[in-house]
Amino acid sequence: MKILRGLAYSGILLFFLAGCTTQLTPADRDLMNQAIDSANGAAVSAEKAETAALSADRAANRAEEAAVKAESAAASAEAAANRAAQEAAAAEDSALKAEKAFEMGLRK
């Protein structure tokens, strides 16, 4: 964008230097002013686009970090669910053993 602005100014400078030998017509002046305005507008638009691109990049990085954290949380939740299932199975096994022991105690 700075290069674009520099090229526009260089072109305008050459146009002025060429105009030193001849007088510009009002139509040529209007065209020159339009060219200057267009160059300035293009530079501003390029700066805005760069700012928007940087913002989008930062947002993408934050989204990626959030996704990594969510994946880690999901893995932790799955591990906790597996431990809970194992502990429930162990508790059920202990309850069955206790029931058998109680029944054996009643039979004696």
N, C-alpha and C. Protein backbone atom coordinates (compact mmCIF):
# COMPACT_ATOMS: atom_id res chain seq x y z
N MET A 1 0.82 -1.18 0.00
CA MET A 1 0.00 0.00 0.00
C MET A 1 0.86 1.25 0.00
N LYS A 2 1.97 1.24 0.73
CA LYS A 2 2.88 2.38 0.68
C LYS A 2 3.54 2.48 -0.68
N ILE A 3 3.77 1.31 -1.27
CA ILE A 3 4.36 1.28 -2.61
C ILE A 3 3.38 1.86 -3.61
N LEU A 4 2.10 1.47 -3.45
CA LEU A 4 1.06 1.99 -4.35
C LEU A 4 0.95 3.50 -4.25
N ARG A 5 0.98 3.99 -3.03
CA ARG A 5 0.91 5.43 -2.83
C ARG A 5 2.14 6.12 -3.42
N GLY A 6 3.30 5.53 -3.23
CA GLY A 6 4.54 6.09 -3.78
C GLY A 6 4.51 6.13 -5.29
N LEU A 7 4.01 5.06 -5.90
CA LEU A 7 3.91 5.05 -7.36
C LEU A 7 2.93 6.11 -7.86
N ALA A 8 1.83 6.26 -7.14
CA ALA A 8 0.84 7.27 -7.54
C ALA A 8 1.45 8.66 -7.45
N TYR A 9 2.15 8.93 -6.37
CA TYR A 9 2.77 10.25 -6.22
C TYR A 9 3.86 10.48 -7.26
N SER A 10 4.61 9.42 -7.57
CA SER A 10 5.66 9.55 -8.59
C SER A 10 5.04 9.86 -9.95
N GLY A 11 3.95 9.16 -10.26
CA GLY A 11 3.27 9.42 -11.52
C GLY A 11 2.72 10.83 -11.59
N ILE A 12 2.19 11.30 -10.49
CA ILE A 12 1.64 12.65 -10.45
C ILE A 12 2.77 13.68 -10.57
N LEU A 13 3.89 13.40 -9.92
CA LEU A 13 5.04 14.30 -10.01
C LEU A 13 5.52 14.40 -11.46
N LEU A 14 5.62 13.25 -12.15
CA LEU A 14 6.02 13.27 -13.55
C LEU A 14 5.01 14.05 -14.39
N PHE A 15 3.74 13.88 -14.06
CA PHE A 15 2.70 14.60 -14.77
C PHE A 15 2.87 16.11 -14.58
N PHE A 16 3.20 16.52 -13.36
CA PHE A 16 3.44 17.94 -13.09
C PHE A 16 4.68 18.46 -13.82
N LEU A 17 5.74 17.65 -13.81
CA LEU A 17 6.95 18.07 -14.50
C LEU A 17 6.70 18.22 -15.99
N ALA A 18 5.93 17.32 -16.53
CA ALA A 18 5.60 17.44 -17.95
C ALA A 18 4.70 18.65 -18.17
N GLY A 19 3.88 18.95 -17.19
CA GLY A 19 2.97 20.08 -17.29
C GLY A 19 3.67 21.42 -17.15
N CYS A 20 4.89 21.44 -16.67
CA CYS A 20 5.61 22.70 -16.53
C CYS A 20 5.86 23.35 -17.90
N THR A 21 6.00 22.54 -18.92
CA THR A 21 6.26 23.09 -20.24
C THR A 21 4.98 23.49 -20.95
N THR A 22 3.87 22.85 -20.54
CA THR A 22 2.58 23.20 -21.15
C THR A 22 1.56 23.44 -20.05
N GLN A 23 0.57 24.23 -20.35
CA GLN A 23 -0.49 24.54 -19.39
C GLN A 23 -1.55 23.43 -19.46
N LEU A 24 -2.03 23.00 -18.27
CA LEU A 24 -3.05 21.95 -18.24
C LEU A 24 -4.42 22.55 -18.53
N THR A 25 -5.19 21.79 -19.25
CA THR A 25 -6.56 22.22 -19.49
C THR A 25 -7.39 21.89 -18.27
N PRO A 26 -8.54 22.52 -18.07
CA PRO A 26 -9.40 22.17 -16.93
C PRO A 26 -9.79 20.70 -16.91
N ALA A 27 -10.01 20.12 -18.07
CA ALA A 27 -10.35 18.69 -18.12
C ALA A 27 -9.18 17.85 -17.64
N ASP A 28 -7.95 18.24 -18.04
CA ASP A 28 -6.76 17.49 -17.59
C ASP A 28 -6.58 17.64 -16.08
N ARG A 29 -6.85 18.85 -15.57
CA ARG A 29 -6.75 19.07 -14.12
C ARG A 29 -7.76 18.20 -13.38
N ASP A 30 -8.97 18.13 -13.92
CA ASP A 30 -9.99 17.28 -13.29
C ASP A 30 -9.56 15.82 -13.29
N LEU A 31 -9.02 15.37 -14.41
CA LEU A 31 -8.54 13.99 -14.48
C LEU A 31 -7.40 13.75 -13.50
N MET A 32 -6.50 14.73 -13.39
CA MET A 32 -5.39 14.60 -12.46
C MET A 32 -5.91 14.54 -11.02
N ASN A 33 -6.86 15.40 -10.69
CA ASN A 33 -7.43 15.38 -9.33
C ASN A 33 -8.15 14.06 -9.06
N GLN A 34 -8.84 13.54 -10.06
CA GLN A 34 -9.49 12.24 -9.90
C GLN A 34 -8.46 11.14 -9.68
N ALA A 35 -7.35 11.22 -10.39
CA ALA A 35 -6.29 10.23 -10.23
C ALA A 35 -5.69 10.30 -8.82
N ILE A 36 -5.49 11.52 -8.34
CA ILE A 36 -4.96 11.69 -6.98
C ILE A 36 -5.94 11.14 -5.96
N ASP A 37 -7.21 11.48 -6.12
CA ASP A 37 -8.24 10.97 -5.21
C ASP A 37 -8.33 9.46 -5.26
N SER A 38 -8.26 8.90 -6.45
CA SER A 38 -8.31 7.44 -6.60
C SER A 38 -7.11 6.78 -5.93
N ALA A 39 -5.93 7.36 -6.10
CA ALA A 39 -4.73 6.80 -5.48
C ALA A 39 -4.83 6.85 -3.97
N ASN A 40 -5.31 7.98 -3.45
CA ASN A 40 -5.46 8.10 -2.00
C ASN A 40 -6.52 7.12 -1.49
N GLY A 41 -7.63 7.01 -2.22
CA GLY A 41 -8.67 6.06 -1.83
C GLY A 41 -8.18 4.63 -1.85
N ALA A 42 -7.39 4.29 -2.85
CA ALA A 42 -6.84 2.93 -2.94
C ALA A 42 -5.90 2.65 -1.78
N ALA A 43 -5.10 3.64 -1.41
CA ALA A 43 -4.17 3.46 -0.29
C ALA A 43 -4.94 3.25 1.01
N VAL A 44 -5.97 4.06 1.21
CA VAL A 44 -6.80 3.92 2.43
C VAL A 44 -7.48 2.56 2.44
N SER A 45 -8.02 2.15 1.30
CA SER A 45 -8.68 0.85 1.22
C SER A 45 -7.70 -0.29 1.50
N ALA A 46 -6.49 -0.16 1.00
CA ALA A 46 -5.48 -1.19 1.23
C ALA A 46 -5.12 -1.27 2.72
N GLU A 47 -5.01 -0.13 3.37
CA GLU A 47 -4.72 -0.12 4.80
C GLU A 47 -5.86 -0.75 5.59
N LYS A 48 -7.10 -0.43 5.21
CA LYS A 48 -8.25 -1.02 5.89
C LYS A 48 -8.30 -2.52 5.67
N ALA A 49 -7.97 -2.96 4.47
CA ALA A 49 -7.95 -4.39 4.17
C ALA A 49 -6.89 -5.10 4.99
N GLU A 50 -5.74 -4.47 5.13
CA GLU A 50 -4.67 -5.08 5.92
C GLU A 50 -5.08 -5.18 7.39
N THR A 51 -5.71 -4.13 7.90
CA THR A 51 -6.19 -4.14 9.29
C THR A 51 -7.23 -5.24 9.48
N ALA A 52 -8.14 -5.36 8.52
CA ALA A 52 -9.17 -6.41 8.60
C ALA A 52 -8.54 -7.80 8.55
N ALA A 53 -7.53 -7.96 7.71
CA ALA A 53 -6.86 -9.26 7.61
C ALA A 53 -6.16 -9.61 8.92
N LEU A 54 -5.53 -8.63 9.54
CA LEU A 54 -4.88 -8.88 10.83
C LEU A 54 -5.89 -9.25 11.90
N SER A 55 -7.03 -8.55 11.91
CA SER A 55 -8.09 -8.88 12.87
C SER A 55 -8.62 -10.29 12.64
N ALA A 56 -8.81 -10.65 11.39
CA ALA A 56 -9.29 -11.99 11.07
C ALA A 56 -8.29 -13.05 11.49
N ASP A 57 -7.02 -12.76 11.31
CA ASP A 57 -5.96 -13.70 11.71
C ASP A 57 -5.97 -13.90 13.22
N ARG A 58 -6.11 -12.78 13.96
CA ARG A 58 -6.17 -12.90 15.42
C ARG A 58 -7.40 -13.69 15.86
N ALA A 59 -8.52 -13.44 15.21
CA ALA A 59 -9.75 -14.17 15.55
C ALA A 59 -9.59 -15.66 15.25
N ALA A 60 -8.95 -15.98 14.14
CA ALA A 60 -8.72 -17.39 13.80
C ALA A 60 -7.81 -18.06 14.83
N ASN A 61 -6.80 -17.35 15.28
CA ASN A 61 -5.90 -17.90 16.31
C ASN A 61 -6.66 -18.15 17.61
N ARG A 62 -7.53 -17.19 18.00
CA ARG A 62 -8.32 -17.38 19.22
C ARG A 62 -9.27 -18.57 19.07
N ALA A 63 -9.86 -18.72 17.91
CA ALA A 63 -10.77 -19.84 17.66
C ALA A 63 -10.02 -21.17 17.72
N GLU A 64 -8.83 -21.18 17.17
CA GLU A 64 -8.03 -22.41 17.21
C GLU A 64 -7.65 -22.77 18.65
N GLU A 65 -7.27 -21.76 19.43
CA GLU A 65 -6.94 -22.01 20.84
C GLU A 65 -8.15 -22.53 21.60
N ALA A 66 -9.32 -21.96 21.32
CA ALA A 66 -10.55 -22.42 21.98
C ALA A 66 -10.87 -23.86 21.58
N ALA A 67 -10.63 -24.20 20.32
CA ALA A 67 -10.89 -25.57 19.87
C ALA A 67 -9.96 -26.56 20.56
N VAL A 68 -8.72 -26.18 20.74
CA VAL A 68 -7.76 -27.05 21.43
C VAL A 68 -8.20 -27.25 22.88
N LYS A 69 -8.62 -26.17 23.54
CA LYS A 69 -9.09 -26.28 24.93
C LYS A 69 -10.34 -27.14 25.01
N ALA A 70 -11.25 -26.98 24.06
CA ALA A 70 -12.48 -27.78 24.06
C ALA A 70 -12.16 -29.26 23.85
N GLU A 71 -11.23 -29.54 22.96
CA GLU A 71 -10.83 -30.93 22.73
C GLU A 71 -10.21 -31.54 23.98
N SER A 72 -9.40 -30.76 24.67
CA SER A 72 -8.78 -31.23 25.90
C SER A 72 -9.84 -31.49 26.97
N ALA A 73 -10.81 -30.58 27.07
CA ALA A 73 -11.88 -30.75 28.05
C ALA A 73 -12.72 -31.99 27.73
N ALA A 74 -12.97 -32.22 26.45
CA ALA A 74 -13.73 -33.40 26.04
C ALA A 74 -12.98 -34.68 26.38
N ALA A 75 -11.67 -34.68 26.17
CA ALA A 75 -10.86 -35.86 26.51
C ALA A 75 -10.88 -36.11 28.01
N SER A 76 -10.80 -35.03 28.80
CA SER A 76 -10.86 -35.18 30.25
C SER A 76 -12.21 -35.71 30.69
N ALA A 77 -13.28 -35.20 30.08
CA ALA A 77 -14.63 -35.67 30.42
C ALA A 77 -14.80 -37.14 30.07
N GLU A 78 -14.27 -37.54 28.92
CA GLU A 78 -14.36 -38.95 28.52
C GLU A 78 -13.59 -39.85 29.49
N ALA A 79 -12.42 -39.39 29.89
CA ALA A 79 -11.62 -40.18 30.85
C ALA A 79 -12.37 -40.30 32.18
N ALA A 80 -12.99 -39.20 32.63
CA ALA A 80 -13.75 -39.25 33.88
C ALA A 80 -14.95 -40.18 33.75
N ALA A 81 -15.61 -40.17 32.61
CA ALA A 81 -16.75 -41.07 32.39
C ALA A 81 -16.29 -42.53 32.41
N ASN A 82 -15.14 -42.80 31.81
CA ASN A 82 -14.61 -44.18 31.82
C ASN A 82 -14.28 -44.62 33.24
N ARG A 83 -13.67 -43.73 34.02
CA ARG A 83 -13.35 -44.07 35.42
C ARG A 83 -14.64 -44.32 36.21
N ALA A 84 -15.65 -43.49 35.98
CA ALA A 84 -16.92 -43.67 36.68
C ALA A 84 -17.56 -45.00 36.31
N ALA A 85 -17.49 -45.37 35.06
CA ALA A 85 -18.05 -46.66 34.62
C ALA A 85 -17.30 -47.81 35.25
N GLN A 86 -15.98 -47.71 35.34
CA GLN A 86 -15.19 -48.77 35.98
C GLN A 86 -15.52 -48.87 37.47
N GLU A 87 -15.65 -47.71 38.11
CA GLU A 87 -15.98 -47.72 39.55
C GLU A 87 -17.39 -48.25 39.78
N ALA A 88 -18.31 -47.97 38.88
CA ALA A 88 -19.67 -48.50 39.01
C ALA A 88 -19.67 -50.01 38.84
N ALA A 89 -18.89 -50.50 37.88
CA ALA A 89 -18.78 -51.95 37.67
C ALA A 89 -18.16 -52.61 38.89
N ALA A 90 -17.13 -51.99 39.46
CA ALA A 90 -16.49 -52.54 40.66
C ALA A 90 -17.46 -52.54 41.84
N ALA A 91 -18.25 -51.47 41.96
CA ALA A 91 -19.23 -51.40 43.05
C ALA A 91 -20.30 -52.47 42.88
N GLU A 92 -20.73 -52.69 41.63
CA GLU A 92 -21.74 -53.73 41.38
C GLU A 92 -21.17 -55.10 41.72
N ASP A 93 -19.92 -55.33 41.35
CA ASP A 93 -19.26 -56.60 41.65
C ASP A 93 -19.15 -56.80 43.16
N SER A 94 -18.80 -55.74 43.87
CA SER A 94 -18.71 -55.82 45.34
C SER A 94 -20.08 -56.09 45.94
N ALA A 95 -21.11 -55.46 45.40
CA ALA A 95 -22.47 -55.68 45.92
C ALA A 95 -22.89 -57.12 45.70
N LEU A 96 -22.56 -57.69 44.53
CA LEU A 96 -22.90 -59.10 44.27
C LEU A 96 -22.17 -60.03 45.23
N LYS A 97 -20.90 -59.74 45.47
CA LYS A 97 -20.12 -60.55 46.41
C LYS A 97 -20.68 -60.44 47.82
N ALA A 98 -21.07 -59.24 48.20
CA ALA A 98 -21.64 -59.04 49.53
C ALA A 98 -22.97 -59.78 49.65
N GLU A 99 -23.76 -59.76 48.59
CA GLU A 99 -25.05 -60.47 48.61
C GLU A 99 -24.83 -61.97 48.75
N LYS A 100 -23.85 -62.51 48.00
CA LYS A 100 -23.55 -63.94 48.09
C LYS A 100 -23.06 -64.30 49.48
N ALA A 101 -22.21 -63.44 50.03
CA ALA A 101 -21.70 -63.70 51.38
C ALA A 101 -22.84 -63.67 52.39
N PHE A 102 -23.79 -62.77 52.23
CA PHE A 102 -24.93 -62.68 53.13
C PHE A 102 -25.79 -63.94 53.03
N GLU A 103 -26.02 -64.40 51.78
CA GLU A 103 -26.82 -65.61 51.56
C GLU A 103 -26.11 -66.82 52.15
N MET A 104 -24.81 -66.88 52.02
CA MET A 104 -24.05 -68.00 52.58
C MET A 104 -24.13 -67.98 54.10
N GLY A 105 -24.13 -66.76 54.64
CA GLY A 105 -24.24 -66.63 56.10
C GLY A 105 -25.61 -67.06 56.57
N LEU A 106 -26.65 -66.84 55.81
CA LEU A 106 -28.00 -67.25 56.20
C LEU A 106 -28.16 -68.76 56.10
N ARG A 107 -27.50 -69.40 55.17
CA ARG A 107 -27.61 -70.85 54.98
C ARG A 107 -26.94 -71.62 56.12
N LYS A 108 -25.99 -71.08 56.74
CA LYS A 108 -25.27 -71.80 57.79
C LYS A 108 -26.01 -71.81 59.03
